[in-house]
Amino acid sequence: MPRAGNRTKRTVKRPASPKPQASISSTDRRAAAAAIEPEGWKGALRQYVQLYNQAEIDRYAPAFETLLRDPDHLARYGSKLARLKEAELLRGAIPGKSETKVEIERVSESASGREVIVLLKLHISRAVEQLGRTYTEYRAERERIWLSREGGEYRITRIEPSLSERRPRYALRDPLSAAADAFFEEDVDGAAFATGSKPFINYDVLSGFKPSRGIRYRRDLAAEYADRWWNEANPAYENFEVNCTNYVSQCLFAGQAPMNYTGKRDSGWWYKGRAGGRESWSYSWAVSNALQIYLGATRRVGLRAEAVESASELALGDVIMYDWSGDGRFQHSTIVTAFDASGMPLVNANTVPSRHRYWDYKDSYAWTEQTRYRFFHIADEF
């Protein structure tokens, strides 16, 4: 049964729009034409984004074949749209207005100009109508696109969507090396703690926080923090290359969940300020599989959660973990920030920035038929 008593009613505010370099919208062709000129590879890119935006509404791949020469991506994309269309029909959701804004992050052109590789960030906002109510979901996805000139026109020869949601390990801007691991362990277990350095408390995020027993979990604050930082990194924390669990941990902490400082990387749930020029944290703070193990363990004080059977039992500020391959190792984390008209969770995430996204993630390229979930209801008091 749904935990109606644990849900916090809140007014959802539309976040500030990102500032892309160029935009394509189904309702603003003039601005799109000005942002991306119709000639050359930019014209092909403009056409692609227009088709992509229409597909977000129709849940049906339009005639990409004249532009796209990548049968693998056509099959992958078509399969995703078919899966979403079926799922939305079952839950009574009707796609409404869609807007896709595009940000060109990097361009690499061959000397001849016949081949171009573009790293693209797609900012997608999409209205969903359900049972007489409408909500808007947001996500920001990256794609690497290869374009080649054929005669006088460019065609897309290859598309690689980002699969960062599927990556099981965290990383900094580069994956941690064995040497960095060794340095980290020495820092955490040795001098940094021995000299009395204090654990990280982000007073700008949570003023007046005192780690003690009897703390009420502020679900509203956790969700508000999630909505504030879904599409950018809080500079008070390290920004991980795979940032989903770091982001969820920040949200829990903003909701007054007390850290458990053990000083050991493989135990507790904690984040510590810079020491020796490096950030320090527990695995459970930054790694999905470690956080789900920590939440699933039995304890009487501190951050605690109850594993429940279905998404319908979750409340605001609760957590969902995702195991894409069904092998028992969880690679992605989200936090519940709103509910659809049927009372099912909408979630926020980072790495692939998402706000009020339907919880099952069938719109992700990381999703597979083997996907398994763990649903955690966070304790009301710590």
Protein backbone atom coordinates (compact mmCIF):
# COMPACT_ATOMS: atom_id res chain seq x y z
CA MET A 1 0.00 0.00 0.00
CA PRO A 2 1.27 3.53 -0.69
CA ARG A 3 2.74 5.37 2.29
CA ALA A 4 0.39 8.32 2.00
CA GLY A 5 1.16 9.49 5.50
CA ASN A 6 4.84 9.89 4.74
CA ARG A 7 4.51 11.98 1.63
CA THR A 8 5.09 15.71 1.86
CA LYS A 9 2.93 17.93 -0.30
CA ARG A 10 4.97 20.54 -2.08
CA THR A 11 4.68 22.96 -4.96
CA VAL A 12 7.00 22.06 -7.81
CA LYS A 13 8.76 25.04 -9.32
CA ARG A 14 10.09 24.98 -12.85
CA PRO A 15 13.89 25.31 -12.67
CA ALA A 16 15.87 27.95 -14.47
CA SER A 17 16.53 26.91 -18.04
CA PRO A 18 20.09 25.96 -18.95
CA LYS A 19 22.04 28.29 -21.19
CA PRO A 20 22.85 26.27 -24.28
CA GLN A 21 24.90 27.57 -27.15
CA ALA A 22 22.13 26.80 -29.61
CA SER A 23 18.55 25.55 -29.41
CA ILE A 24 16.05 23.66 -31.47
CA SER A 25 12.39 23.79 -30.49
CA SER A 26 9.25 22.47 -32.10
CA THR A 27 7.68 25.89 -31.42
CA ASP A 28 10.54 28.22 -32.24
CA ARG A 29 11.89 27.59 -35.75
CA ARG A 30 13.22 31.10 -36.24
CA ALA A 31 15.42 30.98 -33.15
CA ALA A 32 16.59 27.51 -34.19
CA ALA A 33 17.53 28.69 -37.65
CA ALA A 34 19.47 31.57 -36.20
CA ALA A 35 21.26 29.36 -33.69
CA ILE A 36 22.29 26.66 -36.18
CA GLU A 37 22.64 27.70 -39.77
CA PRO A 38 21.05 25.36 -42.33
CA GLU A 39 24.26 24.98 -44.39
CA GLY A 40 26.91 22.28 -44.00
CA TRP A 41 27.16 19.89 -41.07
CA LYS A 42 25.29 22.32 -38.83
CA GLY A 43 22.30 22.02 -41.13
CA ALA A 44 22.39 18.22 -40.83
CA LEU A 45 22.64 18.56 -37.07
CA ARG A 46 19.69 20.93 -37.01
CA GLN A 47 17.62 18.45 -39.01
CA TYR A 48 18.58 15.64 -36.64
CA VAL A 49 17.52 17.58 -33.53
CA GLN A 50 14.19 18.50 -35.14
CA LEU A 51 13.51 14.83 -35.82
CA TYR A 52 14.63 13.91 -32.32
CA ASN A 53 12.26 16.45 -30.77
CA GLN A 54 9.33 15.16 -32.82
CA ALA A 55 10.13 11.60 -31.78
CA GLU A 56 9.95 12.68 -28.12
CA ILE A 57 6.33 13.65 -28.77
CA ASP A 58 5.29 10.79 -31.05
CA ARG A 59 7.33 8.02 -29.41
CA TYR A 60 7.88 6.88 -32.97
CA ALA A 61 11.12 7.24 -34.93
CA PRO A 62 10.47 9.44 -37.97
CA ALA A 63 12.27 9.01 -41.28
CA PHE A 64 15.82 9.18 -39.95
CA GLU A 65 16.97 6.88 -42.73
CA THR A 66 17.62 9.74 -45.17
CA LEU A 67 19.91 11.43 -42.66
CA LEU A 68 21.29 8.64 -40.50
CA ARG A 69 23.53 5.85 -41.82
CA ASP A 70 23.88 3.99 -38.53
CA PRO A 71 21.63 0.89 -38.46
CA ASP A 72 22.79 -0.06 -34.95
CA HIS A 73 21.66 3.24 -33.47
CA LEU A 74 18.42 3.21 -35.47
CA ALA A 75 17.60 -0.19 -33.96
CA ARG A 76 18.62 0.93 -30.46
CA TYR A 77 16.64 4.17 -30.64
CA GLY A 78 13.59 2.56 -32.24
CA SER A 79 13.55 -0.14 -29.55
CA LYS A 80 13.66 2.47 -26.80
CA LEU A 81 10.78 4.47 -28.30
CA ALA A 82 8.63 1.34 -28.71
CA ARG A 83 9.31 0.36 -25.09
CA LEU A 84 8.35 3.82 -23.84
CA LYS A 85 5.21 4.01 -25.93
CA GLU A 86 3.95 0.71 -24.52
CA ALA A 87 4.82 1.68 -20.93
CA GLU A 88 3.09 5.06 -21.22
CA LEU A 89 -0.04 3.51 -22.68
CA LEU A 90 -0.22 1.15 -19.70
CA ARG A 91 0.06 3.99 -17.18
CA GLY A 92 -2.31 6.28 -19.09
CA ALA A 93 0.34 8.89 -19.87
CA ILE A 94 -0.02 11.02 -23.00
CA PRO A 95 3.02 12.91 -24.35
CA GLY A 96 2.38 16.62 -24.75
CA LYS A 97 4.61 19.47 -25.83
CA SER A 98 8.31 18.69 -26.16
CA GLU A 99 11.27 21.05 -26.44
CA THR A 100 14.82 19.97 -27.20
CA LYS A 101 17.64 22.44 -26.80
CA VAL A 102 21.08 21.55 -28.05
CA GLU A 103 24.46 22.52 -26.67
CA ILE A 104 27.53 21.83 -28.82
CA GLU A 105 30.26 20.99 -26.32
CA ARG A 106 33.08 20.01 -28.68
CA VAL A 107 33.74 19.87 -32.41
CA SER A 108 36.53 18.06 -34.26
CA GLU A 109 36.84 18.57 -38.02
CA SER A 110 39.14 16.73 -40.41
CA ALA A 111 41.64 18.78 -42.42
CA SER A 112 39.57 18.25 -45.57
CA GLY A 113 36.36 19.25 -43.78
CA ARG A 114 34.62 16.13 -45.06
CA GLU A 115 34.30 14.52 -41.62
CA VAL A 116 33.16 16.09 -38.37
CA ILE A 117 32.74 14.68 -34.86
CA VAL A 118 30.44 16.61 -32.50
CA LEU A 119 29.90 16.10 -28.78
CA LEU A 120 26.32 17.19 -28.24
CA LYS A 121 24.32 17.81 -25.09
CA LEU A 122 20.55 17.57 -25.53
CA HIS A 123 18.40 19.42 -22.99
CA ILE A 124 14.94 17.84 -23.17
CA SER A 125 11.79 19.10 -21.46
CA ARG A 126 8.64 17.14 -22.10
CA ALA A 127 5.08 17.64 -20.84
CA VAL A 128 3.17 14.51 -19.81
CA GLU A 129 -0.61 14.46 -19.40
CA GLN A 130 -2.16 11.88 -17.10
CA LEU A 131 -5.62 11.64 -15.53
CA GLY A 132 -6.32 15.30 -16.18
CA ARG A 133 -3.02 16.50 -14.71
CA THR A 134 0.18 17.58 -16.43
CA TYR A 135 3.76 17.45 -15.20
CA THR A 136 7.02 18.23 -16.98
CA GLU A 137 10.06 16.01 -16.95
CA TYR A 138 13.57 17.19 -17.74
CA ARG A 139 16.77 15.41 -18.66
CA ALA A 140 20.08 16.28 -20.27
CA GLU A 141 21.74 13.60 -22.39
CA ARG A 142 25.01 13.54 -24.30
CA GLU A 143 25.63 12.02 -27.71
CA ARG A 144 28.77 11.80 -29.82
CA ILE A 145 27.84 12.21 -33.49
CA TRP A 146 29.95 11.50 -36.58
CA LEU A 147 29.05 13.35 -39.80
CA SER A 148 30.48 12.81 -43.30
CA ARG A 149 29.97 14.83 -46.45
CA GLU A 150 28.41 12.89 -49.29
CA GLY A 151 28.44 14.99 -52.42
CA GLY A 152 27.25 18.40 -51.34
CA GLU A 153 25.41 17.26 -48.18
CA TYR A 154 26.37 15.89 -44.79
CA ARG A 155 24.99 12.63 -43.41
CA ILE A 156 25.26 11.21 -39.89
CA THR A 157 27.28 8.00 -40.05
CA ARG A 158 27.43 7.09 -36.37
CA ILE A 159 25.86 8.02 -33.03
CA GLU A 160 27.12 6.96 -29.61
CA PRO A 161 24.75 7.90 -26.77
CA SER A 162 26.20 8.33 -23.30
CA LEU A 163 25.90 5.23 -21.13
CA SER A 164 27.31 6.83 -17.99
CA GLU A 165 24.30 5.62 -15.97
CA ARG A 166 25.53 2.08 -16.57
CA ARG A 167 29.07 2.59 -15.30
CA PRO A 168 29.53 0.70 -12.02
CA ARG A 169 32.49 2.64 -10.58
CA TYR A 170 32.78 6.24 -9.59
CA ALA A 171 35.66 8.35 -10.74
CA LEU A 172 37.05 11.81 -10.36
CA ARG A 173 37.81 13.59 -13.58
CA ASP A 174 39.89 10.51 -14.34
CA PRO A 175 39.48 7.02 -12.83
CA LEU A 176 41.35 6.54 -9.57
CA SER A 177 44.64 4.74 -10.01
CA ALA A 178 46.10 2.24 -7.57
CA ALA A 179 48.54 4.94 -6.48
CA ALA A 180 45.70 7.35 -5.77
CA ASP A 181 43.87 4.64 -3.81
CA ALA A 182 46.99 4.06 -1.73
CA PHE A 183 47.35 7.79 -1.08
CA PHE A 184 43.70 8.03 -0.09
CA GLU A 185 43.91 5.15 2.38
CA GLU A 186 47.01 6.65 3.98
CA ASP A 187 45.30 10.03 4.24
CA VAL A 188 42.11 8.66 5.79
CA ASP A 189 43.61 6.13 8.19
CA GLY A 190 46.68 8.10 9.13
CA ALA A 191 47.86 11.66 9.53
CA ALA A 192 44.78 13.59 8.47
CA PHE A 193 42.61 12.11 11.21
CA ALA A 194 45.41 11.83 13.75
CA THR A 195 46.05 15.58 13.57
CA GLY A 196 42.46 16.26 14.51
CA SER A 197 41.09 17.61 11.22
CA LYS A 198 37.33 17.88 11.43
CA PRO A 199 34.88 16.01 9.19
CA PHE A 200 33.18 17.93 6.42
CA ILE A 201 30.02 19.78 7.44
CA ASN A 202 28.53 21.90 4.68
CA TYR A 203 27.06 24.78 6.69
CA ASP A 204 26.06 26.62 3.52
CA VAL A 205 23.75 23.72 2.67
CA LEU A 206 22.47 22.97 6.13
CA SER A 207 22.94 25.70 8.73
CA GLY A 208 22.64 24.79 12.37
CA PHE A 209 23.10 21.06 11.75
CA LYS A 210 24.05 19.09 14.87
CA PRO A 211 24.61 15.32 14.55
CA SER A 212 22.59 13.90 17.43
CA ARG A 213 19.84 11.38 18.01
CA GLY A 214 16.21 12.21 17.39
CA ILE A 215 16.75 14.12 14.15
CA ARG A 216 13.68 14.27 11.89
CA TYR A 217 14.28 13.53 8.23
CA ARG A 218 13.29 16.68 6.35
CA ARG A 219 11.96 15.16 3.14
CA ASP A 220 11.02 18.59 1.83
CA LEU A 221 14.59 19.87 2.21
CA ALA A 222 16.03 16.78 0.51
CA ALA A 223 13.70 17.25 -2.46
CA GLU A 224 14.31 21.00 -2.63
CA TYR A 225 18.07 20.42 -2.67
CA ALA A 226 17.59 17.81 -5.42
CA ASP A 227 15.63 20.30 -7.53
CA ARG A 228 18.23 23.01 -6.94
CA TRP A 229 21.27 20.98 -8.01
CA TRP A 230 19.93 18.44 -10.55
CA ASN A 231 21.56 20.14 -13.54
CA GLU A 232 24.78 21.49 -12.05
CA ALA A 233 27.33 20.54 -9.44
CA ASN A 234 27.33 22.12 -5.99
CA PRO A 235 30.83 23.66 -5.82
CA ALA A 236 31.02 22.85 -2.10
CA TYR A 237 31.49 19.17 -3.04
CA GLU A 238 33.74 17.24 -5.36
CA ASN A 239 32.11 16.71 -8.77
CA PHE A 240 32.52 13.08 -9.82
CA GLU A 241 32.62 11.90 -13.41
CA VAL A 242 29.87 9.45 -12.40
CA ASN A 243 28.03 11.67 -9.94
CA CYS A 244 24.65 10.02 -9.27
CA THR A 245 25.36 8.61 -5.79
CA ASN A 246 27.38 11.61 -4.65
CA TYR A 247 24.34 13.73 -5.62
CA VAL A 248 21.84 11.46 -3.81
CA SER A 249 24.05 11.45 -0.68
CA GLN A 250 24.13 15.25 -0.74
CA CYS A 251 20.32 15.28 -0.95
CA LEU A 252 20.01 12.94 2.05
CA PHE A 253 22.44 15.08 4.02
CA ALA A 254 20.50 18.24 3.10
CA GLY A 255 17.45 16.48 4.56
CA GLN A 256 19.37 16.27 7.88
CA ALA A 257 20.53 12.66 7.61
CA PRO A 258 23.57 12.54 9.94
CA MET A 259 26.90 11.34 8.59
CA ASN A 260 28.52 8.31 10.21
CA TYR A 261 32.20 9.22 10.43
CA THR A 262 34.31 6.10 10.74
CA GLY A 263 37.48 7.40 9.11
CA LYS A 264 37.54 4.26 6.96
CA ARG A 265 36.69 4.27 3.29
CA ASP A 266 34.78 0.97 3.36
CA SER A 267 32.56 1.70 6.36
CA GLY A 268 30.17 4.38 7.53
CA TRP A 269 28.55 7.04 5.37
CA TRP A 270 30.55 10.26 5.29
CA TYR A 271 32.17 12.99 3.26
CA LYS A 272 35.25 14.83 4.53
CA GLY A 273 36.74 18.11 3.38
CA ARG A 274 40.02 18.41 1.53
CA ALA A 275 43.10 16.99 3.20
CA GLY A 276 46.47 16.90 1.50
CA GLY A 277 44.93 18.45 -1.60
CA ARG A 278 42.40 15.63 -2.05
CA GLU A 279 38.76 15.08 -1.24
CA SER A 280 37.91 12.19 1.09
CA TRP A 281 34.69 10.19 1.30
CA SER A 282 33.35 6.73 2.09
CA TYR A 283 32.48 4.30 -0.68
CA SER A 284 28.85 4.45 0.47
CA TRP A 285 28.79 8.20 -0.18
CA ALA A 286 29.83 7.93 -3.83
CA VAL A 287 29.22 4.36 -5.10
CA SER A 288 25.72 3.04 -5.87
CA ASN A 289 26.37 -0.55 -4.85
CA ALA A 290 28.02 0.54 -1.61
CA LEU A 291 25.14 2.88 -0.74
CA GLN A 292 22.53 0.19 -1.32
CA ILE A 293 24.48 -2.16 0.97
CA TYR A 294 24.70 0.56 3.61
CA LEU A 295 20.97 1.39 3.41
CA GLY A 296 20.07 -2.29 3.47
CA ALA A 297 21.98 -2.99 6.69
CA THR A 298 20.26 -3.05 10.08
CA ARG A 299 21.19 -0.27 12.53
CA ARG A 300 19.41 1.58 15.31
CA VAL A 301 20.87 5.08 14.88
CA GLY A 302 22.07 7.25 12.04
CA LEU A 303 20.99 7.05 8.40
CA ARG A 304 18.61 4.08 8.15
CA ALA A 305 16.17 2.77 5.56
CA GLU A 306 13.64 0.01 5.04
CA ALA A 307 13.76 -1.96 1.80
CA VAL A 308 10.19 -2.11 0.43
CA GLU A 309 8.73 -4.21 -2.35
CA SER A 310 7.47 -1.65 -4.83
CA ALA A 311 7.86 1.93 -6.01
CA SER A 312 4.28 2.66 -4.88
CA GLU A 313 5.42 2.40 -1.25
CA LEU A 314 7.94 5.23 -1.54
CA ALA A 315 7.63 8.77 -0.17
CA LEU A 316 9.31 12.06 -0.96
CA GLY A 317 13.07 11.87 -0.33
CA ASP A 318 13.25 8.08 -0.66
CA VAL A 319 15.88 6.35 -2.81
CA ILE A 320 15.81 3.92 -5.76
CA MET A 321 18.82 1.85 -6.87
CA TYR A 322 19.24 0.34 -10.36
CA ASP A 323 20.96 -2.89 -11.36
CA TRP A 324 20.93 -2.83 -15.17
CA SER A 325 22.32 -6.33 -15.75
CA GLY A 326 20.47 -8.14 -12.96
CA ASP A 327 23.69 -9.51 -11.47
CA GLY A 328 23.20 -8.03 -8.02
CA ARG A 329 25.54 -5.06 -8.49
CA PHE A 330 23.79 -1.69 -8.55
CA GLN A 331 25.14 1.02 -10.82
CA HIS A 332 22.72 3.96 -10.51
CA SER A 333 20.93 5.92 -7.79
CA THR A 334 17.99 8.34 -7.83
CA ILE A 335 15.93 10.23 -5.25
CA VAL A 336 12.13 10.68 -5.23
CA THR A 337 11.18 14.35 -5.72
CA ALA A 338 7.54 14.29 -6.91
CA PHE A 339 4.67 11.97 -7.93
CA ASP A 340 2.60 11.55 -11.07
CA ALA A 341 -1.20 11.60 -11.14
CA SER A 342 -1.31 7.91 -10.17
CA GLY A 343 0.90 8.47 -7.14
CA MET A 344 3.96 6.82 -8.68
CA PRO A 345 7.40 8.32 -8.00
CA LEU A 346 9.16 10.83 -10.21
CA VAL A 347 12.88 11.01 -9.53
CA ASN A 348 15.89 13.30 -9.84
CA ALA A 349 19.37 12.16 -10.76
CA ASN A 350 22.77 13.41 -11.79
CA THR A 351 25.51 12.17 -14.19
CA VAL A 352 22.71 12.20 -16.76
CA PRO A 353 20.94 15.18 -15.17
CA SER A 354 17.24 14.40 -14.68
CA ARG A 355 14.35 16.14 -12.92
CA HIS A 356 10.92 14.56 -12.32
CA ARG A 357 11.72 11.58 -14.54
CA TYR A 358 9.47 8.52 -14.30
CA TRP A 359 11.09 6.15 -11.84
CA ASP A 360 11.46 2.99 -14.02
CA TYR A 361 14.04 4.61 -16.36
CA LYS A 362 12.81 2.78 -19.43
CA ASP A 363 13.74 5.93 -21.35
CA SER A 364 17.43 5.24 -20.61
CA TYR A 365 19.79 3.45 -22.99
CA ALA A 366 21.18 1.76 -19.87
CA TRP A 367 17.88 -0.07 -19.24
CA THR A 368 17.71 -3.76 -20.17
CA GLU A 369 15.19 -6.57 -19.76
CA GLN A 370 17.34 -7.79 -16.85
CA THR A 371 17.07 -4.51 -14.92
CA ARG A 372 16.33 -4.91 -11.21
CA TYR A 373 15.49 -2.22 -8.64
CA ARG A 374 15.86 -1.73 -4.88
CA PHE A 375 13.41 0.63 -3.20
CA PHE A 376 14.49 2.26 0.08
CA HIS A 377 12.11 4.11 2.39
CA ILE A 378 14.33 6.40 4.47
CA ALA A 379 13.55 6.45 8.20
CA ASP A 380 11.44 9.37 9.39
CA GLU A 381 13.78 9.94 12.34
CA PHE A 382 17.48 9.22 12.86
